[in-house]
Amino acid sequence: MKHPVDAHVGKRIRHRRWLVGMTQQQLAEKVGIKFQQIQKYETGMNRVSASRLWDIASALSISVSFFFEGLDETESAVAYESDAPNDILKDKEALELVRSYYAIPETQRRRLFELARVLSDDT
């Protein structure tokens, strides 16, 4: 049975990999493993060792702590395994929007961000 932390870390690996536009094969090559192992990590079927997580973080240009963000110790294992609909990173359109957003040059991106805040009344 999957441990909820392994499932969470795996989801974060998949989301970050997708955001940077990297395939499982490309990530596997950078880390020095087979892509099937990346698949197992992303589904939470296999636990990622600390040194491997370090390598994956380096390959994805992110800090190791990124993989644990959003992990709430008080949440039950059921909440993680139920694929709760409130996880914005599960929405392909939202992921594509974020990916496109980060492809915009920083100056323009900041202006777009401010426009989005104004339009959403989230100031």
N, C-alpha and C. Protein backbone atom coordinates (compact mmCIF):
# COMPACT_ATOMS: atom_id res chain seq x y z
N MET A 1 0.84 -1.19 0.00
CA MET A 1 0.00 0.00 0.00
C MET A 1 0.88 1.25 0.00
N LYS A 2 0.46 2.25 -0.71
CA LYS A 2 1.21 3.50 -0.82
C LYS A 2 1.16 4.27 0.50
N HIS A 3 2.28 4.83 0.86
CA HIS A 3 2.31 5.74 2.00
C HIS A 3 1.91 7.11 1.47
N PRO A 4 1.10 7.88 2.21
CA PRO A 4 0.64 9.17 1.72
C PRO A 4 1.77 10.16 1.40
N VAL A 5 2.86 10.08 2.13
CA VAL A 5 3.99 10.99 1.85
C VAL A 5 4.63 10.62 0.52
N ASP A 6 4.78 9.33 0.25
CA ASP A 6 5.35 8.89 -1.02
C ASP A 6 4.46 9.32 -2.19
N ALA A 7 3.14 9.20 -2.00
CA ALA A 7 2.20 9.62 -3.05
C ALA A 7 2.30 11.13 -3.28
N HIS A 8 2.41 11.89 -2.19
CA HIS A 8 2.51 13.35 -2.31
C HIS A 8 3.79 13.76 -3.03
N VAL A 9 4.90 13.20 -2.63
CA VAL A 9 6.20 13.51 -3.25
C VAL A 9 6.15 13.12 -4.73
N GLY A 10 5.59 11.98 -5.03
CA GLY A 10 5.48 11.54 -6.42
C GLY A 10 4.66 12.50 -7.28
N LYS A 11 3.56 12.98 -6.72
CA LYS A 11 2.73 13.95 -7.45
C LYS A 11 3.50 15.24 -7.70
N ARG A 12 4.26 15.66 -6.71
CA ARG A 12 5.04 16.90 -6.87
C ARG A 12 6.14 16.72 -7.91
N ILE A 13 6.75 15.54 -7.97
CA ILE A 13 7.74 15.26 -9.01
C ILE A 13 7.09 15.37 -10.38
N ARG A 14 5.95 14.70 -10.55
CA ARG A 14 5.24 14.71 -11.83
C ARG A 14 4.85 16.13 -12.24
N HIS A 15 4.31 16.90 -11.30
CA HIS A 15 3.86 18.26 -11.64
C HIS A 15 5.04 19.14 -12.04
N ARG A 16 6.11 19.05 -11.30
CA ARG A 16 7.28 19.89 -11.63
C ARG A 16 7.88 19.47 -12.97
N ARG A 17 7.96 18.16 -13.20
CA ARG A 17 8.50 17.65 -14.47
C ARG A 17 7.65 18.16 -15.63
N TRP A 18 6.35 18.11 -15.45
CA TRP A 18 5.44 18.57 -16.50
C TRP A 18 5.59 20.08 -16.72
N LEU A 19 5.70 20.83 -15.64
CA LEU A 19 5.81 22.29 -15.74
C LEU A 19 7.06 22.73 -16.49
N VAL A 20 8.14 21.99 -16.32
CA VAL A 20 9.37 22.37 -17.02
C VAL A 20 9.45 21.74 -18.41
N GLY A 21 8.42 20.96 -18.77
CA GLY A 21 8.37 20.39 -20.11
C GLY A 21 9.31 19.23 -20.33
N MET A 22 9.52 18.45 -19.30
CA MET A 22 10.45 17.32 -19.38
C MET A 22 9.67 16.01 -19.39
N THR A 23 10.09 15.07 -20.21
CA THR A 23 9.46 13.75 -20.23
C THR A 23 10.04 12.89 -19.11
N GLN A 24 9.36 11.79 -18.83
CA GLN A 24 9.89 10.85 -17.84
C GLN A 24 11.23 10.32 -18.30
N GLN A 25 11.37 10.08 -19.59
CA GLN A 25 12.62 9.56 -20.13
C GLN A 25 13.75 10.57 -19.93
N GLN A 26 13.48 11.84 -20.20
CA GLN A 26 14.51 12.87 -20.04
C GLN A 26 14.95 12.99 -18.59
N LEU A 27 13.97 12.97 -17.68
CA LEU A 27 14.31 13.06 -16.26
C LEU A 27 15.12 11.84 -15.83
N ALA A 28 14.70 10.68 -16.28
CA ALA A 28 15.41 9.45 -15.93
C ALA A 28 16.86 9.51 -16.40
N GLU A 29 17.07 10.00 -17.61
CA GLU A 29 18.43 10.09 -18.14
C GLU A 29 19.29 11.05 -17.32
N LYS A 30 18.69 12.17 -16.91
CA LYS A 30 19.44 13.14 -16.10
C LYS A 30 19.81 12.57 -14.74
N VAL A 31 18.95 11.71 -14.22
CA VAL A 31 19.17 11.14 -12.89
C VAL A 31 19.99 9.85 -12.96
N GLY A 32 20.00 9.23 -14.14
CA GLY A 32 20.77 8.00 -14.31
C GLY A 32 20.01 6.73 -13.96
N ILE A 33 18.70 6.75 -14.20
CA ILE A 33 17.87 5.57 -13.94
C ILE A 33 16.97 5.32 -15.14
N LYS A 34 16.16 4.27 -15.09
CA LYS A 34 15.23 3.97 -16.17
C LYS A 34 13.92 4.74 -15.96
N PHE A 35 13.25 5.06 -17.07
CA PHE A 35 12.03 5.86 -16.95
C PHE A 35 10.94 5.13 -16.17
N GLN A 36 10.97 3.81 -16.17
CA GLN A 36 9.97 3.05 -15.41
C GLN A 36 10.08 3.36 -13.92
N GLN A 37 11.30 3.64 -13.46
CA GLN A 37 11.48 3.99 -12.06
C GLN A 37 10.85 5.34 -11.77
N ILE A 38 10.99 6.28 -12.70
CA ILE A 38 10.34 7.59 -12.54
C ILE A 38 8.83 7.38 -12.45
N GLN A 39 8.28 6.52 -13.30
CA GLN A 39 6.84 6.22 -13.25
C GLN A 39 6.43 5.72 -11.86
N LYS A 40 7.23 4.83 -11.31
CA LYS A 40 6.91 4.27 -10.00
C LYS A 40 7.01 5.33 -8.91
N TYR A 41 7.99 6.23 -9.02
CA TYR A 41 8.09 7.33 -8.06
C TYR A 41 6.86 8.23 -8.16
N GLU A 42 6.49 8.58 -9.38
CA GLU A 42 5.39 9.52 -9.59
C GLU A 42 4.04 8.98 -9.12
N THR A 43 3.87 7.69 -9.16
CA THR A 43 2.62 7.10 -8.68
C THR A 43 2.66 6.80 -7.18
N GLY A 44 3.84 6.93 -6.59
CA GLY A 44 3.98 6.65 -5.17
C GLY A 44 4.15 5.17 -4.87
N MET A 45 4.27 4.36 -5.91
CA MET A 45 4.45 2.92 -5.71
C MET A 45 5.83 2.60 -5.12
N ASN A 46 6.83 3.38 -5.51
CA ASN A 46 8.17 3.22 -4.94
C ASN A 46 8.54 4.48 -4.17
N ARG A 47 9.18 4.28 -3.04
CA ARG A 47 9.64 5.39 -2.21
C ARG A 47 10.93 5.94 -2.80
N VAL A 48 11.07 7.26 -2.81
CA VAL A 48 12.27 7.91 -3.33
C VAL A 48 13.26 8.09 -2.18
N SER A 49 14.48 7.58 -2.35
CA SER A 49 15.49 7.76 -1.31
C SER A 49 15.91 9.22 -1.26
N ALA A 50 16.54 9.60 -0.18
CA ALA A 50 16.97 10.99 0.01
C ALA A 50 17.96 11.40 -1.08
N SER A 51 18.93 10.55 -1.38
CA SER A 51 19.93 10.91 -2.39
C SER A 51 19.30 10.99 -3.78
N ARG A 52 18.35 10.13 -4.07
CA ARG A 52 17.68 10.16 -5.38
C ARG A 52 16.79 11.39 -5.48
N LEU A 53 16.12 11.74 -4.38
CA LEU A 53 15.29 12.94 -4.38
C LEU A 53 16.16 14.18 -4.61
N TRP A 54 17.35 14.17 -4.04
CA TRP A 54 18.30 15.26 -4.24
C TRP A 54 18.65 15.38 -5.73
N ASP A 55 18.92 14.23 -6.37
CA ASP A 55 19.26 14.22 -7.80
C ASP A 55 18.08 14.69 -8.66
N ILE A 56 16.88 14.26 -8.30
CA ILE A 56 15.69 14.67 -9.05
C ILE A 56 15.47 16.17 -8.90
N ALA A 57 15.63 16.68 -7.68
CA ALA A 57 15.48 18.12 -7.45
C ALA A 57 16.48 18.90 -8.29
N SER A 58 17.70 18.44 -8.34
CA SER A 58 18.73 19.09 -9.13
C SER A 58 18.38 19.07 -10.62
N ALA A 59 17.91 17.93 -11.11
CA ALA A 59 17.55 17.80 -12.52
C ALA A 59 16.36 18.68 -12.89
N LEU A 60 15.48 18.94 -11.91
CA LEU A 60 14.30 19.77 -12.15
C LEU A 60 14.50 21.22 -11.72
N SER A 61 15.73 21.56 -11.32
CA SER A 61 16.08 22.93 -10.90
C SER A 61 15.15 23.45 -9.81
N ILE A 62 15.02 22.68 -8.76
CA ILE A 62 14.14 23.04 -7.66
C ILE A 62 14.79 22.57 -6.36
N SER A 63 14.40 23.14 -5.25
CA SER A 63 14.93 22.68 -3.97
C SER A 63 14.18 21.44 -3.52
N VAL A 64 14.81 20.63 -2.72
CA VAL A 64 14.20 19.39 -2.23
C VAL A 64 12.92 19.70 -1.46
N SER A 65 12.90 20.82 -0.77
CA SER A 65 11.72 21.16 0.04
C SER A 65 10.46 21.32 -0.80
N PHE A 66 10.62 21.62 -2.09
CA PHE A 66 9.46 21.76 -2.99
C PHE A 66 8.58 20.51 -2.95
N PHE A 67 9.19 19.35 -2.87
CA PHE A 67 8.44 18.10 -2.93
C PHE A 67 7.57 17.87 -1.70
N PHE A 68 7.85 18.60 -0.62
CA PHE A 68 7.09 18.42 0.61
C PHE A 68 6.11 19.56 0.87
N GLU A 69 6.13 20.57 0.01
CA GLU A 69 5.19 21.68 0.18
C GLU A 69 3.76 21.17 0.05
N GLY A 70 2.90 21.69 0.91
CA GLY A 70 1.50 21.30 0.87
C GLY A 70 1.21 20.02 1.63
N LEU A 71 2.22 19.44 2.20
CA LEU A 71 2.04 18.21 2.97
C LEU A 71 1.64 18.59 4.38
N ASP A 72 0.45 18.24 4.77
CA ASP A 72 -0.07 18.57 6.08
C ASP A 72 -0.09 17.32 6.93
N GLU A 73 0.66 17.31 7.99
CA GLU A 73 0.77 16.12 8.84
C GLU A 73 -0.56 15.71 9.45
N THR A 74 -1.49 16.64 9.57
CA THR A 74 -2.77 16.30 10.21
C THR A 74 -3.75 15.67 9.22
N GLU A 75 -3.46 15.76 7.93
CA GLU A 75 -4.36 15.15 6.95
C GLU A 75 -4.21 13.64 6.99
N SER A 76 -5.29 12.96 6.76
CA SER A 76 -5.23 11.50 6.79
C SER A 76 -4.74 10.95 5.47
N ALA A 77 -4.31 9.71 5.49
CA ALA A 77 -3.86 9.04 4.27
C ALA A 77 -4.99 8.98 3.26
N VAL A 78 -6.21 8.89 3.72
CA VAL A 78 -7.36 8.80 2.82
C VAL A 78 -7.46 10.06 1.96
N ALA A 79 -7.19 11.21 2.53
CA ALA A 79 -7.28 12.46 1.78
C ALA A 79 -6.30 12.48 0.62
N TYR A 80 -5.14 11.91 0.80
CA TYR A 80 -4.14 11.89 -0.27
C TYR A 80 -4.47 10.87 -1.34
N GLU A 81 -5.01 9.76 -0.93
CA GLU A 81 -5.28 8.70 -1.89
C GLU A 81 -6.61 8.89 -2.61
N SER A 82 -7.43 9.83 -2.16
CA SER A 82 -8.74 10.02 -2.77
C SER A 82 -8.71 10.96 -3.96
N ASP A 83 -7.54 11.55 -4.25
CA ASP A 83 -7.43 12.51 -5.35
C ASP A 83 -8.47 13.61 -5.21
N ALA A 84 -8.40 14.31 -4.10
CA ALA A 84 -9.35 15.38 -3.81
C ALA A 84 -9.41 16.38 -4.95
N PRO A 85 -10.62 16.80 -5.35
CA PRO A 85 -10.78 17.69 -6.49
C PRO A 85 -10.24 19.10 -6.29
N ASN A 86 -9.90 19.49 -5.06
CA ASN A 86 -9.42 20.84 -4.82
C ASN A 86 -7.93 21.01 -5.13
N ASP A 87 -7.28 20.00 -5.64
CA ASP A 87 -5.87 20.10 -6.00
C ASP A 87 -5.74 20.73 -7.38
N ILE A 88 -5.41 21.99 -7.43
CA ILE A 88 -5.34 22.75 -8.68
C ILE A 88 -4.32 22.16 -9.65
N LEU A 89 -3.28 21.52 -9.14
CA LEU A 89 -2.25 20.97 -10.01
C LEU A 89 -2.71 19.73 -10.76
N LYS A 90 -3.88 19.23 -10.46
CA LYS A 90 -4.42 18.08 -11.19
C LYS A 90 -5.16 18.53 -12.45
N ASP A 91 -5.46 19.79 -12.55
CA ASP A 91 -6.18 20.33 -13.71
C ASP A 91 -5.17 20.61 -14.83
N LYS A 92 -5.29 19.89 -15.93
CA LYS A 92 -4.34 20.04 -17.04
C LYS A 92 -4.33 21.47 -17.58
N GLU A 93 -5.50 22.10 -17.64
CA GLU A 93 -5.57 23.47 -18.14
C GLU A 93 -4.81 24.42 -17.22
N ALA A 94 -4.95 24.23 -15.91
CA ALA A 94 -4.23 25.07 -14.96
C ALA A 94 -2.73 24.86 -15.09
N LEU A 95 -2.32 23.61 -15.25
CA LEU A 95 -0.89 23.32 -15.42
C LEU A 95 -0.35 23.95 -16.70
N GLU A 96 -1.12 23.86 -17.76
CA GLU A 96 -0.69 24.45 -19.02
C GLU A 96 -0.59 25.98 -18.90
N LEU A 97 -1.52 26.57 -18.17
CA LEU A 97 -1.49 28.01 -17.95
C LEU A 97 -0.24 28.41 -17.17
N VAL A 98 0.08 27.67 -16.13
CA VAL A 98 1.28 27.96 -15.33
C VAL A 98 2.53 27.80 -16.17
N ARG A 99 2.57 26.75 -16.95
CA ARG A 99 3.72 26.51 -17.83
C ARG A 99 3.90 27.66 -18.83
N SER A 100 2.81 28.10 -19.43
CA SER A 100 2.87 29.21 -20.37
C SER A 100 3.28 30.51 -19.68
N TYR A 101 2.76 30.69 -18.47
CA TYR A 101 3.06 31.88 -17.68
C TYR A 101 4.56 32.01 -17.46
N TYR A 102 5.22 30.92 -17.09
CA TYR A 102 6.65 30.96 -16.82
C TYR A 102 7.49 31.04 -18.08
N ALA A 103 6.87 30.85 -19.24
CA ALA A 103 7.59 31.00 -20.50
C ALA A 103 7.64 32.47 -20.93
N ILE A 104 6.85 33.31 -20.30
CA ILE A 104 6.80 34.75 -20.61
C ILE A 104 7.99 35.43 -19.94
N PRO A 105 8.63 36.39 -20.63
CA PRO A 105 9.74 37.13 -20.00
C PRO A 105 9.29 37.77 -18.67
N GLU A 106 10.20 37.84 -17.72
CA GLU A 106 9.86 38.24 -16.36
C GLU A 106 9.14 39.58 -16.25
N THR A 107 9.56 40.58 -16.99
CA THR A 107 8.91 41.90 -16.91
C THR A 107 7.45 41.82 -17.33
N GLN A 108 7.21 41.17 -18.45
CA GLN A 108 5.84 41.02 -18.94
C GLN A 108 5.03 40.12 -18.01
N ARG A 109 5.69 39.10 -17.47
CA ARG A 109 5.01 38.18 -16.57
C ARG A 109 4.51 38.91 -15.33
N ARG A 110 5.32 39.80 -14.81
CA ARG A 110 4.92 40.56 -13.62
C ARG A 110 3.70 41.43 -13.93
N ARG A 111 3.69 42.03 -15.12
CA ARG A 111 2.54 42.86 -15.51
C ARG A 111 1.29 42.01 -15.67
N LEU A 112 1.45 40.83 -16.25
CA LEU A 112 0.32 39.92 -16.41
C LEU A 112 -0.20 39.48 -15.06
N PHE A 113 0.71 39.22 -14.14
CA PHE A 113 0.32 38.82 -12.79
C PHE A 113 -0.52 39.91 -12.12
N GLU A 114 -0.06 41.15 -12.24
CA GLU A 114 -0.80 42.27 -11.65
C GLU A 114 -2.18 42.41 -12.29
N LEU A 115 -2.26 42.23 -13.60
CA LEU A 115 -3.53 42.30 -14.30
C LEU A 115 -4.47 41.20 -13.78
N ALA A 116 -3.96 40.00 -13.64
CA ALA A 116 -4.77 38.88 -13.15
C ALA A 116 -5.28 39.16 -11.74
N ARG A 117 -4.44 39.75 -10.90
CA ARG A 117 -4.89 40.08 -9.53
C ARG A 117 -6.02 41.09 -9.56
N VAL A 118 -5.90 42.10 -10.42
CA VAL A 118 -6.94 43.12 -10.52
C VAL A 118 -8.24 42.50 -11.03
N LEU A 119 -8.14 41.67 -12.06
CA LEU A 119 -9.33 41.06 -12.65
C LEU A 119 -10.02 40.09 -11.68
N SER A 120 -9.26 39.46 -10.83
CA SER A 120 -9.85 38.49 -9.89
C SER A 120 -10.26 39.14 -8.57
N ASP A 121 -10.00 40.42 -8.42
CA ASP A 121 -10.29 41.14 -7.17
C ASP A 121 -9.58 40.51 -5.99
N ASP A 122 -8.40 39.95 -6.22
CA ASP A 122 -7.63 39.29 -5.16
C ASP A 122 -6.43 40.17 -4.81
N THR A 123 -6.72 41.32 -4.20
CA THR A 123 -5.64 42.26 -3.86
C THR A 123 -5.27 42.24 -2.42
